[in-house]
N, C-alpha and C. Protein backbone atom coordinates (compact mmCIF):
# COMPACT_ATOMS: atom_id res chain seq x y z
N UNK A 1 111.99 117.53 87.33
CA UNK A 1 111.48 116.20 87.85
C UNK A 1 110.10 116.17 87.77
N UNK A 2 109.57 115.16 87.12
CA UNK A 2 108.11 114.96 86.94
C UNK A 2 107.44 114.51 88.08
N UNK A 3 106.31 115.11 88.39
CA UNK A 3 105.86 114.80 89.84
C UNK A 3 105.18 113.41 89.60
N UNK A 4 104.82 112.82 88.42
CA UNK A 4 104.20 111.65 88.41
C UNK A 4 105.15 110.43 88.36
N UNK A 5 106.79 110.90 88.36
CA UNK A 5 107.56 109.55 88.30
C UNK A 5 108.34 109.73 89.63
N UNK A 6 107.81 110.23 90.81
CA UNK A 6 108.59 110.43 91.95
C UNK A 6 107.64 109.85 93.03
N UNK A 7 108.40 108.85 93.84
CA UNK A 7 107.71 108.24 94.96
C UNK A 7 108.52 108.46 96.35
N UNK A 8 107.87 108.43 97.32
CA UNK A 8 108.57 108.55 98.47
C UNK A 8 108.39 107.06 99.30
N UNK A 9 109.57 106.63 99.77
CA UNK A 9 109.67 105.42 100.56
C UNK A 9 109.77 105.67 102.09
N UNK A 10 108.93 105.24 102.88
CA UNK A 10 108.94 105.42 104.26
C UNK A 10 109.07 104.08 104.78
N UNK A 11 110.21 103.87 105.81
CA UNK A 11 110.57 102.54 106.28
C UNK A 11 110.26 102.71 107.75
N UNK A 12 109.46 101.61 108.27
CA UNK A 12 108.99 101.60 109.63
C UNK A 12 109.50 100.19 110.17
N UNK A 13 109.87 100.31 111.60
CA UNK A 13 110.35 99.07 112.17
C UNK A 13 109.34 98.12 113.11
N UNK A 14 108.19 98.72 113.00
CA UNK A 14 107.12 98.13 114.00
C UNK A 14 105.88 98.16 113.30
N UNK A 15 104.91 97.03 113.50
CA UNK A 15 103.78 97.03 112.61
C UNK A 15 102.70 97.88 113.30
N UNK A 16 102.67 98.00 114.65
CA UNK A 16 101.81 98.92 115.25
C UNK A 16 101.88 100.27 114.81
N UNK A 17 103.22 100.76 114.67
CA UNK A 17 103.64 102.11 114.25
C UNK A 17 103.22 102.27 112.87
N UNK A 18 103.42 101.24 112.10
CA UNK A 18 102.94 101.07 110.73
C UNK A 18 101.54 101.42 110.49
N UNK A 19 100.70 100.69 111.32
CA UNK A 19 99.20 100.89 111.27
C UNK A 19 98.89 102.29 111.43
N UNK A 20 99.35 102.78 112.61
CA UNK A 20 98.91 104.16 113.03
C UNK A 20 99.43 105.28 111.88
N UNK A 21 100.69 104.83 111.39
CA UNK A 21 101.12 105.85 110.30
C UNK A 21 100.28 105.90 108.88
N UNK A 22 99.76 104.57 108.56
CA UNK A 22 98.94 104.51 107.46
C UNK A 22 97.76 105.41 107.81
N UNK A 23 97.06 105.18 108.95
CA UNK A 23 95.98 105.94 109.10
C UNK A 23 96.06 107.48 109.16
N UNK A 24 97.41 108.00 109.75
CA UNK A 24 97.67 109.42 109.65
C UNK A 24 97.80 109.78 108.11
N UNK A 25 98.61 109.04 107.43
CA UNK A 25 98.96 109.29 106.05
C UNK A 25 97.45 109.55 105.28
N UNK A 26 96.51 108.64 105.45
CA UNK A 26 95.50 108.63 104.63
C UNK A 26 94.52 109.79 105.05
N UNK A 27 94.53 110.03 106.42
CA UNK A 27 93.78 111.13 106.98
C UNK A 27 94.25 112.52 106.45
N UNK A 28 95.60 112.49 106.04
CA UNK A 28 96.18 113.68 105.55
C UNK A 28 95.87 113.80 104.06
N UNK A 29 95.18 112.99 103.38
CA UNK A 29 94.71 112.90 102.02
C UNK A 29 96.01 112.55 101.14
N UNK A 30 97.06 111.72 101.48
CA UNK A 30 98.06 111.20 100.59
C UNK A 30 97.68 110.06 99.90
N UNK A 31 98.15 109.59 98.85
CA UNK A 31 97.74 108.54 98.17
C UNK A 31 98.73 107.43 98.27
N UNK A 32 98.51 106.35 99.27
CA UNK A 32 99.38 105.32 99.30
C UNK A 32 99.43 104.34 98.16
N UNK A 33 100.49 104.11 97.57
CA UNK A 33 100.56 103.35 96.32
C UNK A 33 100.66 101.85 96.70
N UNK A 34 101.53 101.58 97.71
CA UNK A 34 101.80 100.38 98.16
C UNK A 34 102.39 100.18 99.52
N UNK A 35 102.12 99.10 100.16
CA UNK A 35 102.75 98.81 101.62
C UNK A 35 103.45 97.49 101.35
N UNK A 36 104.77 97.42 101.87
CA UNK A 36 105.53 96.04 101.64
C UNK A 36 105.69 95.62 103.07
N UNK A 37 105.49 94.41 103.57
CA UNK A 37 105.53 93.97 104.91
C UNK A 37 106.01 92.63 104.98
N UNK A 38 106.88 92.11 105.85
CA UNK A 38 107.52 90.78 105.81
C UNK A 38 106.42 89.74 106.23
N UNK A 39 105.27 90.14 106.87
CA UNK A 39 104.29 89.14 107.25
C UNK A 39 102.99 89.94 107.15
N UNK A 40 101.75 89.16 107.20
CA UNK A 40 100.49 90.02 107.22
C UNK A 40 100.31 90.79 108.59
N UNK A 41 99.87 92.11 108.17
CA UNK A 41 99.59 92.76 109.33
C UNK A 41 98.08 92.93 109.45
N UNK A 42 97.67 92.64 110.67
CA UNK A 42 96.04 92.54 110.82
C UNK A 42 95.63 93.92 110.81
N UNK A 43 94.46 94.15 110.06
CA UNK A 43 93.76 95.51 110.04
C UNK A 43 94.57 96.47 108.95
N UNK A 44 95.49 96.08 108.26
CA UNK A 44 96.18 96.87 107.31
C UNK A 44 95.20 97.23 106.00
N UNK A 45 94.50 96.10 105.66
CA UNK A 45 93.65 96.14 104.73
C UNK A 45 92.59 97.26 104.79
N UNK A 46 92.03 97.36 106.02
CA UNK A 46 90.94 98.28 106.33
C UNK A 46 91.54 99.69 106.57
N UNK A 47 92.77 99.81 107.16
CA UNK A 47 93.34 101.08 107.23
C UNK A 47 93.76 101.68 105.89
N UNK A 48 94.10 100.76 104.93
CA UNK A 48 94.34 101.27 103.58
C UNK A 48 93.20 101.52 102.69
N UNK A 49 91.99 101.00 103.28
CA UNK A 49 90.66 101.32 102.44
C UNK A 49 90.46 100.31 101.36
N UNK A 50 91.12 99.28 101.43
CA UNK A 50 90.95 98.24 100.29
C UNK A 50 89.59 97.60 100.39
N UNK A 51 88.93 97.07 99.28
CA UNK A 51 87.72 96.45 99.17
C UNK A 51 87.93 95.18 99.89
N UNK A 52 86.76 94.51 100.25
CA UNK A 52 86.81 93.13 100.75
C UNK A 52 87.14 92.25 99.45
N UNK A 53 87.77 91.12 99.91
CA UNK A 53 88.13 90.26 98.79
C UNK A 53 87.04 89.25 98.45
N UNK A 54 86.91 88.86 97.11
CA UNK A 54 85.78 87.86 96.75
C UNK A 54 86.37 86.55 96.60
N UNK A 55 87.53 86.24 97.43
CA UNK A 55 88.10 84.84 97.37
C UNK A 55 87.16 84.07 98.10
N UNK A 56 86.32 84.30 98.90
CA UNK A 56 85.47 83.38 99.72
C UNK A 56 84.43 82.89 98.65
N UNK A 57 83.97 83.65 97.86
CA UNK A 57 82.94 83.26 96.75
C UNK A 57 83.53 82.31 95.96
N UNK A 58 84.78 82.78 95.40
CA UNK A 58 85.48 81.66 94.52
C UNK A 58 85.69 80.26 95.11
N UNK A 59 85.99 80.34 96.45
CA UNK A 59 86.20 79.08 97.26
C UNK A 59 84.91 78.30 97.13
N UNK A 60 83.72 78.76 97.31
CA UNK A 60 82.46 78.04 97.34
C UNK A 60 82.22 77.70 96.01
N UNK A 61 82.31 78.35 94.94
CA UNK A 61 82.26 77.81 93.64
C UNK A 61 83.13 76.75 93.32
N UNK A 62 84.46 76.80 93.74
CA UNK A 62 85.41 75.73 93.32
C UNK A 62 84.86 74.43 94.19
N UNK A 63 84.48 74.63 95.32
CA UNK A 63 83.92 73.67 96.28
C UNK A 63 82.76 72.87 95.51
N UNK A 64 81.69 73.63 94.93
CA UNK A 64 80.62 73.00 94.36
C UNK A 64 81.22 72.23 93.05
N UNK A 65 82.09 72.92 92.34
CA UNK A 65 82.85 72.19 91.09
C UNK A 65 83.38 70.88 91.59
N UNK A 66 84.03 70.91 92.76
CA UNK A 66 84.55 69.49 93.30
C UNK A 66 83.57 68.59 93.59
N UNK A 67 82.38 68.88 94.38
CA UNK A 67 81.45 67.94 94.77
C UNK A 67 80.69 67.53 93.46
N UNK A 68 80.50 68.37 92.40
CA UNK A 68 79.77 67.88 91.31
C UNK A 68 80.64 66.95 90.52
N UNK A 69 81.95 67.17 90.49
CA UNK A 69 83.05 66.27 89.80
C UNK A 69 83.05 64.76 90.56
N UNK A 70 83.03 64.89 91.88
CA UNK A 70 83.02 63.66 92.78
C UNK A 70 81.70 62.76 92.47
N UNK A 71 80.41 63.51 92.50
CA UNK A 71 79.25 62.91 92.31
C UNK A 71 79.20 62.19 90.98
N UNK A 72 79.67 63.07 89.94
CA UNK A 72 79.52 62.40 88.42
C UNK A 72 80.48 61.30 88.36
N UNK A 73 81.68 61.31 88.77
CA UNK A 73 82.75 60.22 88.77
C UNK A 73 82.33 59.01 89.65
N UNK A 74 81.82 59.20 90.67
CA UNK A 74 81.34 57.98 91.48
C UNK A 74 80.24 57.35 90.80
N UNK A 75 79.18 58.11 90.43
CA UNK A 75 78.03 57.35 89.73
C UNK A 75 78.53 56.84 88.46
N UNK A 76 79.40 57.39 87.54
CA UNK A 76 79.94 56.71 86.57
C UNK A 76 80.73 55.38 86.94
N UNK A 77 81.66 55.43 87.62
CA UNK A 77 82.52 54.36 87.97
C UNK A 77 81.75 53.37 88.91
N UNK A 78 81.06 53.68 89.76
CA UNK A 78 80.61 52.57 90.75
C UNK A 78 79.14 52.11 90.24
N UNK A 79 78.34 52.82 89.60
CA UNK A 79 77.12 52.56 89.16
C UNK A 79 76.92 51.94 87.84
N UNK A 80 77.34 52.81 86.86
CA UNK A 80 77.12 52.70 85.51
C UNK A 80 78.11 51.82 84.84
N UNK A 81 79.53 52.06 84.90
CA UNK A 81 80.61 51.32 84.33
C UNK A 81 80.79 49.92 84.88
N UNK A 82 81.11 49.82 86.14
CA UNK A 82 81.61 48.80 86.74
C UNK A 82 80.92 48.38 88.23
N UNK A 83 79.61 48.12 88.04
CA UNK A 83 78.85 47.82 89.38
C UNK A 83 79.41 46.69 90.06
N UNK A 84 79.56 46.76 91.46
CA UNK A 84 80.03 45.71 92.26
C UNK A 84 79.26 45.43 93.25
N UNK A 85 79.18 43.99 93.70
CA UNK A 85 78.48 43.58 94.95
C UNK A 85 79.51 43.77 96.06
N UNK A 86 79.72 44.77 96.81
CA UNK A 86 80.48 44.80 97.94
C UNK A 86 79.87 44.61 99.20
N UNK A 87 80.36 43.34 99.97
CA UNK A 87 79.77 43.08 101.29
C UNK A 87 78.33 42.76 101.06
N UNK A 88 77.81 42.33 100.09
CA UNK A 88 76.43 41.98 99.97
C UNK A 88 75.54 43.21 99.57
N UNK A 89 76.08 44.36 99.23
CA UNK A 89 75.42 45.49 99.08
C UNK A 89 75.51 45.72 97.56
N UNK A 90 74.40 45.57 96.75
CA UNK A 90 74.58 45.79 95.31
C UNK A 90 74.34 47.23 95.01
N UNK A 91 74.90 47.60 93.81
CA UNK A 91 74.91 48.85 93.44
C UNK A 91 73.89 49.21 92.37
N UNK A 92 72.75 49.36 92.98
CA UNK A 92 71.52 49.47 91.92
C UNK A 92 71.27 50.87 91.54
N UNK A 93 71.66 51.86 92.57
CA UNK A 93 71.47 53.27 92.34
C UNK A 93 72.44 54.08 93.10
N UNK A 94 72.62 55.19 92.76
CA UNK A 94 73.66 56.25 93.46
C UNK A 94 73.17 56.54 94.63
N UNK A 95 71.68 56.83 95.05
CA UNK A 95 71.20 57.24 96.16
C UNK A 95 71.31 56.13 97.15
N UNK A 96 71.15 54.91 96.85
CA UNK A 96 71.35 53.70 97.80
C UNK A 96 72.67 53.79 98.39
N UNK A 97 73.76 54.07 97.69
CA UNK A 97 75.06 53.97 97.96
C UNK A 97 75.73 55.29 98.59
N UNK A 98 74.97 56.34 98.51
CA UNK A 98 75.56 57.68 98.77
C UNK A 98 76.12 57.68 100.25
N UNK A 99 75.55 57.16 101.27
CA UNK A 99 76.34 57.10 102.54
C UNK A 99 77.95 56.60 102.39
N UNK A 100 78.03 55.64 101.66
CA UNK A 100 79.51 55.29 101.54
C UNK A 100 80.34 56.24 100.68
N UNK A 101 79.70 57.00 99.84
CA UNK A 101 80.36 57.96 99.06
C UNK A 101 80.71 59.14 99.67
N UNK A 102 80.15 59.60 100.84
CA UNK A 102 80.31 60.87 101.52
C UNK A 102 81.68 61.29 101.66
N UNK A 103 82.58 60.34 102.17
CA UNK A 103 83.92 60.75 102.56
C UNK A 103 84.70 61.11 101.13
N UNK A 104 84.44 60.47 99.97
CA UNK A 104 84.92 60.86 98.67
C UNK A 104 84.46 62.21 98.22
N UNK A 105 83.20 62.58 98.50
CA UNK A 105 82.67 63.73 97.92
C UNK A 105 83.15 64.82 98.89
N UNK A 106 83.50 64.67 100.13
CA UNK A 106 84.11 65.71 101.04
C UNK A 106 85.61 65.91 100.58
N UNK A 107 86.40 64.87 100.34
CA UNK A 107 87.73 65.04 100.08
C UNK A 107 87.92 65.62 98.77
N UNK A 108 87.03 65.41 97.65
CA UNK A 108 87.31 66.13 96.36
C UNK A 108 86.74 67.49 96.46
N UNK A 109 85.71 67.87 97.28
CA UNK A 109 85.37 69.17 97.50
C UNK A 109 86.50 70.02 98.08
N UNK A 110 87.06 69.57 99.11
CA UNK A 110 88.22 70.23 99.55
C UNK A 110 89.31 70.27 98.85
N UNK A 111 89.59 69.11 97.93
CA UNK A 111 90.82 69.21 97.02
C UNK A 111 90.65 70.14 95.85
N UNK A 112 89.47 70.23 95.43
CA UNK A 112 89.18 71.18 94.32
C UNK A 112 89.40 72.80 94.91
N UNK A 113 88.72 72.90 95.92
CA UNK A 113 88.52 74.29 96.52
C UNK A 113 90.08 74.81 96.79
N UNK A 114 90.94 73.90 97.49
CA UNK A 114 92.05 74.36 97.79
C UNK A 114 93.23 74.55 96.59
N UNK A 115 93.11 73.57 95.81
CA UNK A 115 94.08 73.69 94.65
C UNK A 115 93.63 74.82 93.61
N UNK A 116 92.41 74.89 93.28
CA UNK A 116 91.91 76.16 92.43
C UNK A 116 92.12 77.37 93.13
N UNK A 117 92.06 77.47 94.41
CA UNK A 117 92.24 78.59 95.19
C UNK A 117 93.70 78.95 95.02
N UNK A 118 94.59 78.17 95.25
CA UNK A 118 96.05 78.55 95.24
C UNK A 118 96.30 78.97 93.66
N UNK A 119 95.89 78.36 92.73
CA UNK A 119 95.97 78.69 91.30
C UNK A 119 95.38 80.28 91.04
N UNK A 120 94.28 80.46 91.58
CA UNK A 120 93.51 81.70 91.40
C UNK A 120 94.37 82.81 92.06
N UNK A 121 94.89 82.61 93.42
CA UNK A 121 95.79 83.59 94.01
C UNK A 121 97.02 83.83 93.28
N UNK A 122 97.55 82.68 92.66
CA UNK A 122 98.85 83.07 91.93
C UNK A 122 98.56 83.85 90.66
N UNK A 123 97.47 83.53 89.91
CA UNK A 123 97.20 84.17 88.76
C UNK A 123 96.74 85.61 89.06
N UNK A 124 95.91 85.94 90.06
CA UNK A 124 95.43 87.13 90.44
C UNK A 124 96.70 88.15 91.00
N UNK A 125 97.57 87.59 91.64
CA UNK A 125 98.63 88.19 92.14
C UNK A 125 99.78 88.46 91.28
N UNK A 126 99.56 87.85 90.05
CA UNK A 126 100.56 87.82 88.95
C UNK A 126 101.98 87.14 89.49
N UNK A 127 101.79 86.16 90.13
CA UNK A 127 103.07 85.37 90.70
C UNK A 127 103.22 84.08 89.76
N UNK A 128 104.32 84.01 89.12
CA UNK A 128 104.61 82.84 88.31
C UNK A 128 105.91 82.51 88.33
N UNK A 129 106.32 81.35 87.95
CA UNK A 129 107.83 80.97 88.22
C UNK A 129 108.69 81.84 87.29
N UNK A 130 109.76 82.14 87.87
CA UNK A 130 110.81 82.97 87.02
C UNK A 130 110.51 84.62 86.88
N UNK A 131 109.50 84.96 87.74
CA UNK A 131 109.26 86.42 87.79
C UNK A 131 110.28 87.14 88.57
N UNK A 132 110.43 88.21 88.24
CA UNK A 132 111.50 89.02 88.90
C UNK A 132 110.81 89.65 90.12
N UNK A 133 111.45 89.85 91.16
CA UNK A 133 110.87 90.19 92.39
C UNK A 133 110.56 91.78 92.35
N UNK A 134 109.54 92.30 92.83
CA UNK A 134 109.07 93.69 92.83
C UNK A 134 109.27 94.44 94.04
N UNK A 135 110.16 93.90 94.89
CA UNK A 135 110.32 94.45 96.37
C UNK A 135 111.40 95.59 96.09
N UNK A 136 111.00 96.64 96.48
CA UNK A 136 112.00 98.05 96.42
C UNK A 136 113.04 97.96 97.45
N UNK A 137 112.87 97.23 98.71
CA UNK A 137 113.88 97.31 99.73
C UNK A 137 113.87 95.88 100.19
N UNK A 138 115.12 95.25 100.28
CA UNK A 138 115.36 93.92 100.83
C UNK A 138 115.02 93.83 102.29
N UNK A 139 115.17 94.85 102.91
CA UNK A 139 114.61 94.80 104.35
C UNK A 139 113.36 94.43 104.69
N UNK A 140 112.60 94.67 103.89
CA UNK A 140 111.14 94.27 103.96
C UNK A 140 110.86 92.81 103.85
N UNK A 141 111.83 91.91 103.68
CA UNK A 141 111.76 90.54 103.73
C UNK A 141 112.17 90.03 104.96
N UNK A 142 112.76 90.93 105.77
CA UNK A 142 113.27 90.45 107.18
C UNK A 142 112.40 90.97 108.26
N UNK A 143 112.55 92.21 108.64
CA UNK A 143 111.78 92.84 109.66
C UNK A 143 111.28 94.32 109.59
N UNK A 144 111.44 94.77 108.38
CA UNK A 144 111.05 96.29 108.22
C UNK A 144 109.72 96.28 107.38
N UNK A 145 109.07 97.32 107.41
CA UNK A 145 107.86 97.67 106.71
C UNK A 145 108.06 98.92 106.00
N UNK A 146 107.52 98.91 104.69
CA UNK A 146 107.75 100.07 103.77
C UNK A 146 106.48 100.57 103.06
N UNK A 147 106.34 101.91 103.18
CA UNK A 147 105.08 102.42 102.64
C UNK A 147 105.51 103.29 101.36
N UNK A 148 104.95 103.21 100.20
CA UNK A 148 105.31 103.78 99.00
C UNK A 148 104.22 104.86 98.72
N UNK A 149 104.59 105.99 98.68
CA UNK A 149 103.65 107.28 98.41
C UNK A 149 104.07 108.01 97.05
N UNK A 150 102.97 108.21 96.42
CA UNK A 150 103.18 109.13 95.27
C UNK A 150 103.51 110.64 95.64
N UNK A 151 104.48 111.16 95.14
CA UNK A 151 104.58 112.56 95.26
C UNK A 151 103.88 113.58 94.27
N UNK A 152 103.30 114.50 94.84
CA UNK A 152 102.59 115.61 93.95
C UNK A 152 103.00 116.94 94.48
N UNK A 153 104.25 117.25 94.32
CA UNK A 153 104.78 118.79 94.66
C UNK A 153 104.56 119.04 96.11
N UNK A 154 104.66 118.03 96.99
CA UNK A 154 104.56 118.44 98.30
C UNK A 154 105.62 117.59 99.16
N UNK A 155 106.80 117.42 98.62
CA UNK A 155 107.85 116.59 99.14
C UNK A 155 108.19 116.89 100.60
N UNK A 156 108.23 118.19 101.13
CA UNK A 156 108.69 118.69 102.54
C UNK A 156 107.65 118.26 103.30
N UNK A 157 106.47 118.64 102.97
CA UNK A 157 105.27 118.40 104.13
C UNK A 157 105.12 117.02 104.18
N UNK A 158 105.21 116.19 103.01
CA UNK A 158 105.03 114.78 103.30
C UNK A 158 106.24 113.94 104.05
N UNK A 159 107.48 114.51 103.94
CA UNK A 159 108.54 114.01 104.64
C UNK A 159 108.48 114.14 106.10
N UNK A 160 107.93 115.50 106.52
CA UNK A 160 107.78 115.85 107.89
C UNK A 160 106.72 115.02 108.48
N UNK A 161 105.53 114.71 107.59
CA UNK A 161 104.58 113.89 108.30
C UNK A 161 105.06 112.44 108.42
N UNK A 162 105.90 111.94 107.58
CA UNK A 162 106.32 110.50 107.62
C UNK A 162 107.16 110.55 108.81
N UNK A 163 108.13 111.46 109.02
CA UNK A 163 108.94 111.47 110.29
C UNK A 163 108.19 111.42 111.53
N UNK A 164 107.12 112.42 111.54
CA UNK A 164 106.28 112.65 112.74
C UNK A 164 105.60 111.14 113.02
N UNK A 165 105.28 110.51 112.01
CA UNK A 165 104.44 109.20 112.13
C UNK A 165 105.23 108.06 112.68
N UNK A 166 106.57 108.25 112.71
CA UNK A 166 107.40 107.07 113.44
C UNK A 166 108.35 106.55 112.22
N UNK A 167 108.34 107.06 111.07
CA UNK A 167 109.45 106.53 110.03
C UNK A 167 110.76 106.48 110.48
N UNK A 168 111.51 105.52 110.20
CA UNK A 168 113.07 105.37 110.56
C UNK A 168 113.88 106.02 109.47
N UNK A 169 113.23 105.89 108.21
CA UNK A 169 113.84 106.28 107.08
C UNK A 169 112.93 106.80 106.01
N UNK A 170 113.21 107.93 105.51
CA UNK A 170 112.42 108.46 104.40
C UNK A 170 113.27 108.85 103.18
N UNK A 171 113.03 108.21 102.09
CA UNK A 171 113.87 108.38 100.89
C UNK A 171 112.98 108.75 99.67
N UNK A 172 113.41 109.61 98.82
CA UNK A 172 112.68 110.07 97.66
C UNK A 172 113.20 109.28 96.49
N UNK A 173 112.51 108.63 95.73
CA UNK A 173 112.95 107.88 94.47
C UNK A 173 112.40 108.40 93.38
N UNK A 174 113.30 108.85 92.47
CA UNK A 174 112.85 109.29 91.15
C UNK A 174 112.73 108.10 90.07
N UNK A 175 111.80 107.99 89.14
CA UNK A 175 111.71 107.11 88.30
C UNK A 175 111.90 105.69 89.04
N UNK A 176 110.83 105.22 89.60
CA UNK A 176 110.98 103.99 90.40
C UNK A 176 110.82 102.73 89.44
N UNK A 177 110.51 102.83 88.19
CA UNK A 177 110.38 101.75 87.31
C UNK A 177 111.80 101.46 87.07
């Protein structure tokens, strides 16, 4: 059995137990490959030692794109292409009419940020239609939590650590692909 093709799956039934188990496993210098949860667990990203996301930066950039599109669109439509005298207020310049355009600018900023963030999330997570699920245990979609750890010739020690940390089931999987 090749050590690079063997993983241990530890199943937990409580998110607090999972969080403390992840801390124990990492402090014992084991490499956690993945954690599968039925809902987001607060603090799990820090316990796993994951880097902070750059999603907020992208949201800001997408919002800037949205407000730019809104400004260019309204200037072209309402000032250059088809200026109208609405309520006795002529459209001589964009700046004179900007207070009336603020709701449109806000809505397009939010629209672009939200929609482009969803698209970015799906592309970054490699989620697209008809993709086969990568979930190794169907119980993790209901109420269980699974920790996947790569084995490196230390199966017995690792199993003992996982049982001690509160795992309800520990199984060794060869060739997980």
